[in-house]
Amino acid sequence: MPASKALTDLFLAFLVLCCLPLSTPILLLNYVYVLIFPLYPVHKRLRRTPGFKSRKILITGVDTRYGLRLARAFHQTGHVVVGAYYEPGPLLNHVRFSNAVSRFYRLASETRGRREASYVANLLNIVEREHADLWIDCFQSADPSVEARTREAVQEKTNCKCFALRAGNVPYLASRDAFLKYLENQGYTVPESYQVTSRAEIHNVLGKARGTRRYLLESLEPNGVRANMARTKLPSRTVSQTYDAISRISITNTTPWKLERDVNGLENISTSAIVVRGSVKLFVASRTIRPGCYQVLEPTSALSRSMLRFVQTFARKEGSEFTTHLGVDFCVDEQPTESGVVQTILPVQVSIHAQPALQSMVGMNGSIALSRAYLSIFAPAESKAEKKMTRPVSQIIQQQPQTDDVALPQNKIIGVYCIGQDLTHFLFEPLAELVAFRNGLTYFLRQLTELLGHLVFWKDDTYDFRDPLPFWWSYQICLPLRLLMTNSLMTNPSNIQHATITNGEKHT
């Protein structure tokens, strides 16, 4: 570790620890207020409601930001949550102190050759031990093939439902290139991509674009796998520079190159959906300001609804066995016309992991929407005959998915942020630049105003007024200790492929 990095970590740890005398009384006051003015216990009332069935939910990756939010949502709506996650070393994870999780299972490292088999076997063990009704995976780096095989094993040997991808969908959802190729074969509009075998083909594509679009040129191995990540942007500033750049490449029929449209300069919008049996149950569109910071797109906007229809159509075509988290990133291509500007959405990326932007479903209404979306997996599947009898003729002809039954974010918040990242980005870094005379006071005040706006109008991704201890533990205990630990303990090991399950531990 460089000396400057070590000094920075020590300073941050000291700064955080200095906040303990202030944050601890605030935490106690928070709990005193909750005890004096308790929120009406909806989850207890629901459990006493005739006909209500409390489910036991197993969440792997419950230590992720969204995993904790989901645990709170199920707890608030009357269900029991069991959590499993990786807990490195002796440091207790912040989610262990949440009142939303009734029991914990620590995930431990395993040798590479035994990871998958051990994970599947131990997950089966925890499902059977806890009699779990539903398993939801919230790991951000889960291997789709492992998740799919785990789903098959759990559903074959237990009665537990699995909110996970099936093996048949993995090949075209595991990578960006495979996803876009699959969409193109299905008739969707995707960013242009060509496999060129001559310089003439490159010039032909550039000539048709007439300078209105930019492209990326990269080499491929004969089998179509990328040989290197060096990319050439085309066209260059001048025609002569473009010809010179193309003349330098070695291209033949046996050494093809990939020419694809450069979408980096276009507006990018991320979407997150909960899909159950081919039906979108919940949908969020957002702009990623930076990792951990998401600005929610207006749910009623034309862009948001257009993306929702795209995701609905895709999910519906995948059939009744398609159940997964589905995140599709779009770029917005604007083309001027005589009557105005035409916006076209183009899919550019896919993810089947639980998306952090789903945390924008806030409050009790958000908790109800989240739990309903996942628990719809227990609803009886509608038969083809019933669909044929109940669907209006116009709907059969148009084949347009309906949007009325999809849960969308409320307009209570603008976005989701991480207080730790925001303090660094909007306070510490601008302050350091101000002291070093790299930026002026106006810039510092503008960044500070942005920070205050997030604190007032946005939602932190960890803090919950009724469950504040995980937030306090994460920043006041875990953060300084992690900063003081060695590099080996500072790495993020939250990977489903490394996980096996040890003993269950009762929440106290």
Protein backbone atom coordinates (compact mmCIF):
# COMPACT_ATOMS: atom_id res chain seq x y z
CA MET A 1 0.00 0.00 0.00
CA PRO A 2 1.49 3.42 -0.96
CA ALA A 3 2.32 5.73 1.93
CA SER A 4 -0.14 8.39 0.71
CA LYS A 5 -2.98 5.85 0.56
CA ALA A 6 -2.16 4.59 4.05
CA LEU A 7 -2.14 8.12 5.44
CA THR A 8 -5.46 8.89 3.75
CA ASP A 9 -7.06 5.76 5.23
CA LEU A 10 -5.73 6.59 8.69
CA PHE A 11 -7.07 10.14 8.44
CA LEU A 12 -10.51 8.94 7.32
CA ALA A 13 -10.63 6.35 10.10
CA PHE A 14 -9.71 9.02 12.65
CA LEU A 15 -12.34 11.37 11.20
CA VAL A 16 -15.07 8.72 11.39
CA LEU A 17 -14.16 7.76 14.94
CA CYS A 18 -14.34 11.42 15.94
CA CYS A 19 -18.02 11.34 14.96
CA LEU A 20 -18.82 8.62 17.52
CA PRO A 21 -19.58 11.04 20.39
CA LEU A 22 -22.15 12.72 18.14
CA SER A 23 -23.60 9.78 16.20
CA THR A 24 -24.15 7.52 19.23
CA PRO A 25 -26.47 9.93 21.10
CA ILE A 26 -28.34 10.53 17.84
CA LEU A 27 -28.77 6.77 17.45
CA LEU A 28 -30.13 6.50 21.00
CA LEU A 29 -32.52 9.41 20.41
CA ASN A 30 -33.68 7.68 17.23
CA TYR A 31 -34.57 4.55 19.21
CA VAL A 32 -36.21 6.57 22.00
CA TYR A 33 -38.45 8.30 19.45
CA VAL A 34 -39.36 4.96 17.85
CA LEU A 35 -40.28 3.53 21.26
CA ILE A 36 -42.33 6.58 22.31
CA PHE A 37 -44.07 7.00 18.95
CA PRO A 38 -44.22 3.49 17.48
CA LEU A 39 -45.44 3.14 13.94
CA TYR A 40 -48.62 1.11 13.74
CA PRO A 41 -47.27 -2.48 13.55
CA VAL A 42 -48.62 -3.39 10.13
CA HIS A 43 -46.74 -6.69 10.00
CA LYS A 44 -48.33 -7.85 13.26
CA ARG A 45 -51.79 -6.79 12.11
CA LEU A 46 -51.32 -8.61 8.81
CA ARG A 47 -50.38 -11.84 10.58
CA ARG A 48 -53.67 -11.72 12.48
CA THR A 49 -55.70 -11.05 9.33
CA PRO A 50 -57.87 -14.05 8.30
CA GLY A 51 -56.54 -15.61 5.12
CA PHE A 52 -53.10 -14.01 5.34
CA LYS A 53 -50.23 -16.48 5.02
CA SER A 54 -46.85 -15.47 6.35
CA ARG A 55 -44.03 -16.78 4.16
CA LYS A 56 -40.47 -17.62 5.13
CA ILE A 57 -38.10 -15.92 2.71
CA LEU A 58 -34.46 -16.92 2.26
CA ILE A 59 -32.34 -14.07 0.87
CA THR A 60 -28.76 -14.80 -0.18
CA GLY A 61 -26.67 -11.65 -0.44
CA VAL A 62 -28.79 -9.99 2.24
CA ASP A 63 -25.76 -7.85 3.13
CA THR A 64 -26.02 -5.97 -0.17
CA ARG A 65 -27.84 -2.64 -0.15
CA TYR A 66 -30.83 -4.04 -2.02
CA GLY A 67 -30.77 -7.28 -0.05
CA LEU A 68 -31.24 -5.33 3.19
CA ARG A 69 -34.00 -3.20 1.64
CA LEU A 70 -35.81 -6.33 0.48
CA ALA A 71 -35.51 -7.95 3.92
CA ARG A 72 -37.07 -4.85 5.47
CA ALA A 73 -39.88 -4.91 2.90
CA PHE A 74 -40.82 -8.52 3.67
CA HIS A 75 -40.55 -7.93 7.43
CA GLN A 76 -42.80 -4.85 7.24
CA THR A 77 -45.43 -6.82 5.34
CA GLY A 78 -45.65 -9.69 7.83
CA HIS A 79 -43.16 -12.25 6.54
CA VAL A 80 -40.14 -13.97 8.11
CA VAL A 81 -36.70 -13.38 6.58
CA VAL A 82 -33.68 -15.66 6.79
CA GLY A 83 -30.43 -14.15 5.54
CA ALA A 84 -27.24 -15.69 4.16
CA TYR A 85 -24.13 -13.72 3.26
CA TYR A 86 -20.36 -13.65 3.37
CA GLU A 87 -18.85 -12.28 6.59
CA PRO A 88 -15.06 -11.94 6.32
CA GLY A 89 -12.98 -12.51 9.43
CA PRO A 90 -14.15 -11.51 12.89
CA LEU A 91 -15.85 -8.31 11.71
CA LEU A 92 -19.62 -8.56 12.16
CA ASN A 93 -21.64 -7.45 9.15
CA HIS A 94 -24.03 -4.52 9.59
CA VAL A 95 -27.04 -6.54 8.41
CA ARG A 96 -26.61 -8.76 11.47
CA PHE A 97 -28.05 -5.88 13.55
CA SER A 98 -31.18 -5.40 11.47
CA ASN A 99 -34.50 -6.18 13.14
CA ALA A 100 -35.82 -7.35 9.75
CA VAL A 101 -33.80 -10.59 9.63
CA SER A 102 -34.68 -13.35 12.08
CA ARG A 103 -31.81 -15.76 11.41
CA PHE A 104 -28.39 -15.57 9.74
CA TYR A 105 -26.16 -18.01 7.91
CA ARG A 106 -22.54 -17.09 7.36
CA LEU A 107 -21.03 -17.91 3.96
CA ALA A 108 -17.39 -19.04 3.96
CA SER A 109 -14.73 -19.29 1.24
CA GLU A 110 -14.21 -22.55 -0.59
CA THR A 111 -11.64 -23.90 -3.01
CA ARG A 112 -12.40 -23.26 -6.66
CA GLY A 113 -13.04 -26.90 -7.58
CA ARG A 114 -15.68 -27.31 -4.87
CA ARG A 115 -17.43 -23.94 -4.99
CA GLU A 116 -20.43 -24.80 -7.11
CA ALA A 117 -21.20 -28.27 -5.73
CA SER A 118 -20.67 -27.12 -2.16
CA TYR A 119 -22.85 -24.05 -2.64
CA VAL A 120 -25.76 -26.02 -4.10
CA ALA A 121 -25.56 -28.70 -1.41
CA ASN A 122 -25.43 -26.21 1.43
CA LEU A 123 -28.23 -24.06 0.02
CA LEU A 124 -30.39 -27.18 -0.14
CA ASN A 125 -29.46 -27.80 3.48
CA ILE A 126 -30.54 -24.35 4.62
CA VAL A 127 -33.79 -24.51 2.63
CA GLU A 128 -34.71 -27.84 4.22
CA ARG A 129 -33.60 -26.76 7.69
CA GLU A 130 -35.59 -23.53 7.61
CA HIS A 131 -38.52 -24.87 5.54
CA ALA A 132 -38.15 -21.80 3.34
CA ASP A 133 -41.02 -20.94 1.03
CA LEU A 134 -39.07 -18.70 -1.34
CA TRP A 135 -35.39 -18.21 -2.20
CA ILE A 136 -34.24 -14.87 -3.64
CA ASP A 137 -30.63 -14.27 -4.67
CA CYS A 138 -29.39 -10.69 -4.21
CA PHE A 139 -25.67 -11.19 -4.82
CA GLN A 140 -24.37 -8.62 -7.31
CA SER A 141 -21.71 -10.91 -8.81
CA ALA A 142 -23.54 -14.22 -8.97
CA ASP A 143 -22.68 -16.60 -11.80
CA PRO A 144 -25.93 -17.04 -13.81
CA SER A 145 -25.15 -20.68 -14.59
CA VAL A 146 -24.62 -21.49 -10.89
CA GLU A 147 -27.84 -19.68 -9.99
CA ALA A 148 -29.75 -21.63 -12.65
CA ARG A 149 -28.39 -24.99 -11.53
CA THR A 150 -29.17 -24.13 -7.91
CA ARG A 151 -32.74 -23.33 -8.90
CA GLU A 152 -33.11 -26.71 -10.59
CA ALA A 153 -31.72 -28.57 -7.59
CA VAL A 154 -33.84 -26.72 -5.02
CA GLN A 155 -37.09 -27.05 -6.97
CA GLU A 156 -36.43 -30.72 -7.70
CA LYS A 157 -35.80 -31.72 -4.08
CA THR A 158 -37.89 -29.25 -2.06
CA ASN A 159 -41.17 -27.33 -2.23
CA CYS A 160 -39.32 -24.00 -2.06
CA LYS A 161 -40.00 -21.58 -4.90
CA CYS A 162 -36.92 -20.03 -6.52
CA PHE A 163 -36.75 -16.50 -7.84
CA ALA A 164 -33.90 -17.32 -10.19
CA LEU A 165 -33.13 -17.73 -13.86
CA ARG A 166 -33.63 -21.10 -15.55
CA ALA A 167 -30.72 -22.80 -17.30
CA GLY A 168 -32.23 -22.36 -20.77
CA ASN A 169 -32.03 -18.56 -20.56
CA VAL A 170 -28.42 -18.36 -19.40
CA PRO A 171 -26.60 -18.53 -22.78
CA TYR A 172 -28.09 -15.30 -24.15
CA LEU A 173 -28.36 -13.36 -20.88
CA ALA A 174 -24.89 -14.00 -19.48
CA SER A 175 -23.08 -11.44 -21.66
CA ARG A 176 -23.76 -8.23 -23.54
CA ASP A 177 -22.77 -9.54 -26.97
CA ALA A 178 -24.89 -12.68 -26.63
CA PHE A 179 -27.88 -10.63 -25.47
CA LEU A 180 -27.69 -8.14 -28.34
CA LYS A 181 -27.24 -10.93 -30.87
CA TYR A 182 -30.27 -12.72 -29.46
CA LEU A 183 -32.35 -9.52 -29.62
CA GLU A 184 -31.31 -8.92 -33.22
CA ASN A 185 -32.34 -12.45 -34.17
CA GLN A 186 -35.70 -11.86 -32.46
CA GLY A 187 -36.32 -8.76 -34.58
CA TYR A 188 -35.50 -6.03 -32.04
CA THR A 189 -33.64 -2.89 -33.03
CA VAL A 190 -30.12 -2.89 -31.55
CA PRO A 191 -27.02 -0.73 -32.08
CA GLU A 192 -25.33 -1.41 -35.41
CA SER A 193 -22.65 -4.08 -35.34
CA TYR A 194 -20.74 -5.55 -38.27
CA GLN A 195 -18.07 -8.18 -38.71
CA VAL A 196 -15.93 -6.73 -41.49
CA THR A 197 -13.31 -8.58 -43.51
CA SER A 198 -12.03 -5.77 -45.74
CA ARG A 199 -11.25 -2.06 -45.60
CA ALA A 200 -13.88 -1.48 -48.29
CA GLU A 201 -16.60 -2.77 -45.97
CA ILE A 202 -15.48 -0.33 -43.27
CA HIS A 203 -15.55 2.61 -45.69
CA ASN A 204 -18.97 1.48 -46.93
CA VAL A 205 -20.47 1.57 -43.41
CA LEU A 206 -18.90 4.96 -42.66
CA GLY A 207 -20.11 6.33 -45.99
CA LYS A 208 -23.73 5.36 -45.30
CA ALA A 209 -23.60 7.08 -41.91
CA ARG A 210 -22.32 10.33 -43.50
CA GLY A 211 -20.73 11.44 -40.27
CA THR A 212 -23.94 11.30 -38.23
CA ARG A 213 -22.79 8.30 -36.19
CA ARG A 214 -19.50 7.27 -34.64
CA TYR A 215 -18.14 3.73 -34.60
CA LEU A 216 -15.66 1.61 -32.68
CA LEU A 217 -13.34 -0.74 -34.56
CA GLU A 218 -11.71 -3.63 -32.69
CA SER A 219 -9.87 -6.77 -33.73
CA LEU A 220 -11.28 -10.26 -33.35
CA GLU A 221 -9.71 -13.66 -33.25
CA PRO A 222 -10.82 -16.08 -36.00
CA ASN A 223 -13.37 -17.66 -33.66
CA GLY A 224 -14.98 -14.29 -32.95
CA VAL A 225 -13.50 -13.73 -29.50
CA ARG A 226 -11.92 -10.39 -28.81
CA ALA A 227 -8.17 -10.56 -29.27
CA ASN A 228 -7.49 -7.25 -27.57
CA MET A 229 -9.40 -4.38 -26.05
CA ALA A 230 -7.72 -1.66 -28.09
CA ARG A 231 -10.45 0.23 -29.92
CA THR A 232 -10.20 2.72 -32.75
CA LYS A 233 -12.83 5.44 -33.01
CA LEU A 234 -14.07 6.16 -36.52
CA PRO A 235 -14.40 8.44 -38.35
CA SER A 236 -11.41 10.52 -37.32
CA ARG A 237 -11.36 14.32 -37.36
CA THR A 238 -10.51 14.49 -41.04
CA VAL A 239 -11.05 12.21 -44.03
CA SER A 240 -7.31 11.73 -44.48
CA GLN A 241 -6.90 10.70 -40.83
CA THR A 242 -9.75 8.21 -41.23
CA TYR A 243 -8.15 6.66 -44.33
CA ASP A 244 -4.79 6.54 -42.58
CA ALA A 245 -6.24 4.79 -39.49
CA ILE A 246 -8.02 2.17 -41.61
CA SER A 247 -4.98 1.56 -43.82
CA ARG A 248 -2.91 0.62 -40.76
CA ILE A 249 -5.06 -2.33 -39.72
CA SER A 250 -4.34 -5.89 -40.82
CA ILE A 251 -7.66 -7.26 -42.02
CA THR A 252 -8.43 -10.36 -44.11
CA ASN A 253 -11.14 -12.99 -44.38
CA THR A 254 -9.33 -15.04 -41.74
CA THR A 255 -8.70 -12.08 -39.42
CA PRO A 256 -12.03 -10.21 -39.27
CA TRP A 257 -12.64 -7.05 -37.28
CA LYS A 258 -15.71 -5.87 -35.43
CA LEU A 259 -17.21 -2.49 -36.29
CA GLU A 260 -19.95 -1.35 -33.94
CA ARG A 261 -21.72 1.89 -33.24
CA ASP A 262 -20.25 4.01 -30.45
CA VAL A 263 -23.10 4.80 -28.05
CA ASN A 264 -20.97 6.33 -25.29
CA GLY A 265 -22.00 9.86 -26.18
CA LEU A 266 -25.73 9.12 -26.01
CA GLU A 267 -27.95 9.46 -22.95
CA ASN A 268 -27.94 6.23 -20.95
CA ILE A 269 -30.87 5.04 -18.85
CA SER A 270 -30.93 1.91 -16.71
CA THR A 271 -34.06 -0.11 -16.09
CA SER A 272 -34.71 -2.65 -13.35
CA ALA A 273 -37.58 -5.11 -13.37
CA ILE A 274 -38.94 -7.96 -11.29
CA VAL A 275 -40.22 -10.61 -13.71
CA VAL A 276 -42.39 -13.52 -12.59
CA ARG A 277 -43.42 -16.19 -15.11
CA GLY A 278 -42.84 -13.88 -18.05
CA SER A 279 -44.81 -10.99 -16.54
CA VAL A 280 -43.22 -7.75 -15.34
CA LYS A 281 -44.47 -7.11 -11.81
CA LEU A 282 -42.36 -4.08 -10.88
CA PHE A 283 -40.36 -1.64 -12.98
CA VAL A 284 -37.96 1.24 -12.29
CA ALA A 285 -36.15 3.43 -14.82
CA SER A 286 -33.27 5.55 -13.56
CA ARG A 287 -30.14 7.44 -14.52
CA THR A 288 -26.94 6.25 -12.89
CA ILE A 289 -25.16 9.38 -11.72
CA ARG A 290 -22.29 7.22 -10.46
CA PRO A 291 -22.13 3.79 -8.77
CA GLY A 292 -24.44 3.87 -5.75
CA CYS A 293 -26.27 7.03 -6.86
CA TYR A 294 -29.45 6.68 -8.96
CA GLN A 295 -31.85 9.36 -10.14
CA VAL A 296 -35.34 7.99 -10.76
CA LEU A 297 -36.90 8.74 -14.14
CA GLU A 298 -40.46 10.03 -14.08
CA PRO A 299 -42.57 6.82 -14.29
CA THR A 300 -45.23 8.46 -16.46
CA SER A 301 -42.75 9.90 -18.98
CA ALA A 302 -42.81 8.69 -22.56
CA LEU A 303 -39.26 7.36 -22.26
CA SER A 304 -40.02 5.35 -19.14
CA ARG A 305 -43.19 3.82 -20.58
CA SER A 306 -41.46 3.02 -23.86
CA MET A 307 -38.74 1.12 -22.01
CA LEU A 308 -41.34 -0.63 -19.87
CA ARG A 309 -43.15 -1.85 -23.00
CA PHE A 310 -39.85 -3.13 -24.40
CA VAL A 311 -39.05 -5.09 -21.22
CA GLN A 312 -42.63 -6.40 -21.00
CA THR A 313 -42.58 -7.61 -24.59
CA PHE A 314 -39.22 -9.31 -24.12
CA ALA A 315 -40.25 -11.01 -20.87
CA ARG A 316 -43.60 -12.14 -22.27
CA LYS A 317 -41.94 -13.78 -25.28
CA GLU A 318 -39.61 -15.74 -22.97
CA GLY A 319 -42.57 -17.70 -21.64
CA SER A 320 -44.09 -18.72 -18.34
CA GLU A 321 -40.84 -20.18 -16.94
CA PHE A 322 -39.01 -16.85 -17.18
CA THR A 323 -38.58 -15.61 -13.59
CA THR A 324 -35.67 -13.33 -12.74
CA HIS A 325 -34.36 -9.88 -11.93
CA LEU A 326 -33.93 -8.20 -15.29
CA GLY A 327 -31.90 -5.06 -15.81
CA VAL A 328 -31.65 -3.61 -19.30
CA ASP A 329 -29.64 -0.48 -20.07
CA PHE A 330 -30.82 1.67 -22.95
CA CYS A 331 -29.26 4.53 -24.87
CA VAL A 332 -31.47 7.23 -26.34
CA ASP A 333 -30.73 8.08 -29.97
CA GLU A 334 -32.13 11.44 -31.06
CA GLN A 335 -32.60 12.19 -34.75
CA PRO A 336 -33.82 15.61 -35.93
CA THR A 337 -36.76 15.66 -38.36
CA GLU A 338 -38.87 18.36 -39.99
CA SER A 339 -41.49 18.06 -37.24
CA GLY A 340 -39.07 17.88 -34.32
CA VAL A 341 -36.78 15.30 -32.72
CA VAL A 342 -37.45 11.56 -32.84
CA GLN A 343 -36.13 9.56 -29.89
CA THR A 344 -35.26 5.90 -30.37
CA ILE A 345 -34.31 3.60 -27.50
CA LEU A 346 -31.60 1.03 -28.14
CA PRO A 347 -30.74 -1.77 -25.68
CA VAL A 348 -27.01 -1.80 -24.92
CA GLN A 349 -26.51 -3.95 -21.80
CA VAL A 350 -28.23 -6.62 -19.71
CA SER A 351 -28.02 -7.85 -16.13
CA ILE A 352 -29.91 -10.59 -14.31
CA HIS A 353 -28.75 -9.57 -10.85
CA ALA A 354 -30.80 -7.69 -8.28
CA GLN A 355 -30.53 -4.04 -9.27
CA PRO A 356 -29.74 -1.42 -6.56
CA ALA A 357 -32.09 1.08 -8.25
CA LEU A 358 -35.03 -1.00 -6.99
CA GLN A 359 -34.38 0.69 -3.64
CA SER A 360 -36.31 3.64 -5.02
CA MET A 361 -39.44 1.74 -3.97
CA VAL A 362 -39.55 3.52 -0.60
CA GLY A 363 -41.88 3.64 2.37
CA MET A 364 -44.67 1.24 3.25
CA ASN A 365 -46.14 1.47 -0.24
CA GLY A 366 -42.78 0.49 -1.68
CA SER A 367 -42.50 -2.44 0.72
CA ILE A 368 -45.96 -3.67 -0.25
CA ALA A 369 -45.13 -3.35 -3.95
CA LEU A 370 -41.85 -5.25 -3.57
CA SER A 371 -43.33 -8.09 -1.51
CA ARG A 372 -46.34 -8.42 -3.82
CA ALA A 373 -44.09 -8.58 -6.87
CA TYR A 374 -42.01 -11.45 -5.52
CA LEU A 375 -44.87 -13.30 -3.83
CA SER A 376 -46.86 -13.35 -7.07
CA ILE A 377 -44.76 -16.43 -7.81
CA PHE A 378 -47.16 -18.32 -5.50
CA ALA A 379 -50.23 -17.29 -7.51
CA PRO A 380 -51.67 -20.10 -9.64
CA ALA A 381 -50.48 -19.92 -13.23
CA GLU A 382 -53.16 -18.91 -15.71
CA SER A 383 -53.83 -21.62 -18.25
CA LYS A 384 -53.64 -21.02 -21.97
CA ALA A 385 -57.37 -21.73 -22.28
CA GLU A 386 -58.19 -19.10 -19.66
CA LYS A 387 -55.97 -16.57 -21.41
CA LYS A 388 -57.69 -17.24 -24.72
CA MET A 389 -61.16 -16.80 -23.22
CA THR A 390 -60.50 -13.71 -21.11
CA ARG A 391 -58.28 -11.68 -23.41
CA PRO A 392 -60.13 -9.08 -25.54
CA VAL A 393 -59.99 -9.58 -29.29
CA SER A 394 -58.30 -6.21 -29.82
CA GLN A 395 -55.58 -7.19 -27.36
CA ILE A 396 -55.02 -10.51 -29.12
CA ILE A 397 -54.59 -8.68 -32.42
CA GLN A 398 -52.35 -5.90 -31.11
CA GLN A 399 -50.32 -8.13 -28.76
CA GLN A 400 -49.51 -5.06 -26.68
CA PRO A 401 -48.63 -5.74 -23.03
CA GLN A 402 -50.61 -3.77 -20.48
CA THR A 403 -48.85 -1.46 -17.99
CA ASP A 404 -51.62 -0.86 -15.44
CA ASP A 405 -50.75 -3.83 -13.21
CA VAL A 406 -47.02 -3.02 -12.98
CA ALA A 407 -45.78 -1.44 -9.74
CA LEU A 408 -43.88 1.81 -10.36
CA PRO A 409 -41.95 4.15 -8.03
CA GLN A 410 -43.91 6.85 -6.24
CA ASN A 411 -42.94 10.49 -6.67
CA LYS A 412 -41.88 10.87 -3.02
CA ILE A 413 -38.15 10.82 -3.76
CA ILE A 414 -35.95 11.91 -6.63
CA GLY A 415 -33.29 9.25 -6.26
CA VAL A 416 -31.18 6.94 -4.11
CA TYR A 417 -27.70 7.83 -2.83
CA CYS A 418 -24.91 6.50 -0.60
CA ILE A 419 -24.00 8.96 2.15
CA GLY A 420 -20.40 7.72 2.33
CA GLN A 421 -19.81 8.26 -1.38
CA ASP A 422 -21.64 11.58 -1.34
CA LEU A 423 -19.56 12.94 1.54
CA THR A 424 -16.41 12.00 -0.35
CA HIS A 425 -17.60 13.33 -3.71
CA PHE A 426 -19.40 16.51 -2.63
CA LEU A 427 -17.58 17.50 0.58
CA PHE A 428 -14.12 16.02 1.17
CA GLU A 429 -12.80 16.19 -2.40
CA PRO A 430 -14.10 19.74 -3.11
CA LEU A 431 -12.75 20.86 0.28
CA ALA A 432 -9.32 19.42 -0.53
CA GLU A 433 -9.38 21.16 -3.91
CA LEU A 434 -10.38 24.43 -2.24
CA VAL A 435 -7.53 24.20 0.27
CA ALA A 436 -5.07 23.34 -2.51
CA PHE A 437 -6.37 26.28 -4.63
CA ARG A 438 -7.34 23.94 -7.48
CA ASN A 439 -10.95 25.15 -7.35
CA GLY A 440 -12.68 28.22 -6.00
CA LEU A 441 -15.25 28.86 -3.31
CA THR A 442 -18.10 28.96 -5.83
CA TYR A 443 -17.41 25.38 -6.92
CA PHE A 444 -17.22 24.21 -3.30
CA LEU A 445 -20.55 25.84 -2.41
CA ARG A 446 -22.19 24.36 -5.51
CA GLN A 447 -21.06 20.86 -4.52
CA LEU A 448 -22.19 21.44 -0.94
CA THR A 449 -25.63 22.51 -2.19
CA GLU A 450 -25.84 19.29 -4.21
CA LEU A 451 -25.02 17.28 -1.08
CA LEU A 452 -27.70 19.06 0.95
CA GLY A 453 -30.22 18.38 -1.82
CA HIS A 454 -29.49 14.67 -1.61
CA LEU A 455 -29.79 14.68 2.18
CA VAL A 456 -33.20 16.37 2.05
CA PHE A 457 -34.90 14.98 -1.06
CA TRP A 458 -33.14 11.68 -1.81
CA LYS A 459 -33.11 8.33 0.03
CA ASP A 460 -29.98 6.83 1.58
CA ASP A 461 -29.40 3.23 0.49
CA THR A 462 -28.82 1.88 4.03
CA TYR A 463 -30.48 4.10 6.64
CA ASP A 464 -34.02 3.39 7.80
CA PHE A 465 -35.62 5.39 10.61
CA ARG A 466 -37.24 2.27 12.10
CA ASP A 467 -34.08 0.19 11.72
CA PRO A 468 -31.11 2.58 12.21
CA LEU A 469 -28.52 0.29 13.82
CA PRO A 470 -27.21 -1.31 10.57
CA PHE A 471 -26.42 2.18 9.22
CA TRP A 472 -24.63 3.24 12.41
CA TRP A 473 -22.66 -0.01 12.63
CA SER A 474 -21.66 0.13 8.97
CA TYR A 475 -20.18 3.64 9.14
CA GLN A 476 -19.06 4.00 12.75
CA ILE A 477 -17.65 0.52 13.40
CA CYS A 478 -17.12 -1.41 10.15
CA LEU A 479 -15.74 1.47 8.07
CA PRO A 480 -12.92 2.60 10.38
CA LEU A 481 -11.95 -0.99 11.19
CA ARG A 482 -11.82 -1.91 7.51
CA LEU A 483 -9.68 1.13 6.79
CA LEU A 484 -7.24 -0.02 9.44
CA MET A 485 -7.12 -3.63 8.26
CA THR A 486 -4.66 -5.05 5.80
CA ASN A 487 -5.36 -5.10 2.07
CA SER A 488 -6.26 -8.78 2.23
CA LEU A 489 -9.26 -7.99 4.41
CA MET A 490 -10.25 -4.91 2.43
CA THR A 491 -11.19 -6.83 -0.70
CA ASN A 492 -14.88 -7.45 -1.37
CA PRO A 493 -15.53 -11.20 -1.21
CA SER A 494 -19.29 -11.07 -1.76
CA ASN A 495 -19.35 -13.58 -4.58
CA ILE A 496 -21.77 -16.41 -4.79
CA GLN A 497 -19.20 -18.65 -6.45
CA HIS A 498 -17.00 -18.48 -3.32
CA ALA A 499 -19.78 -19.27 -0.91
CA THR A 500 -20.68 -22.23 1.23
CA ILE A 501 -22.96 -22.25 4.21
CA THR A 502 -21.90 -22.89 7.76
CA ASN A 503 -23.99 -22.73 10.89
CA GLY A 504 -27.21 -20.77 11.22
CA GLU A 505 -27.10 -18.14 13.93
CA LYS A 506 -30.12 -16.84 15.75
CA HIS A 507 -30.71 -13.09 15.64
CA THR A 508 -30.60 -11.53 19.08
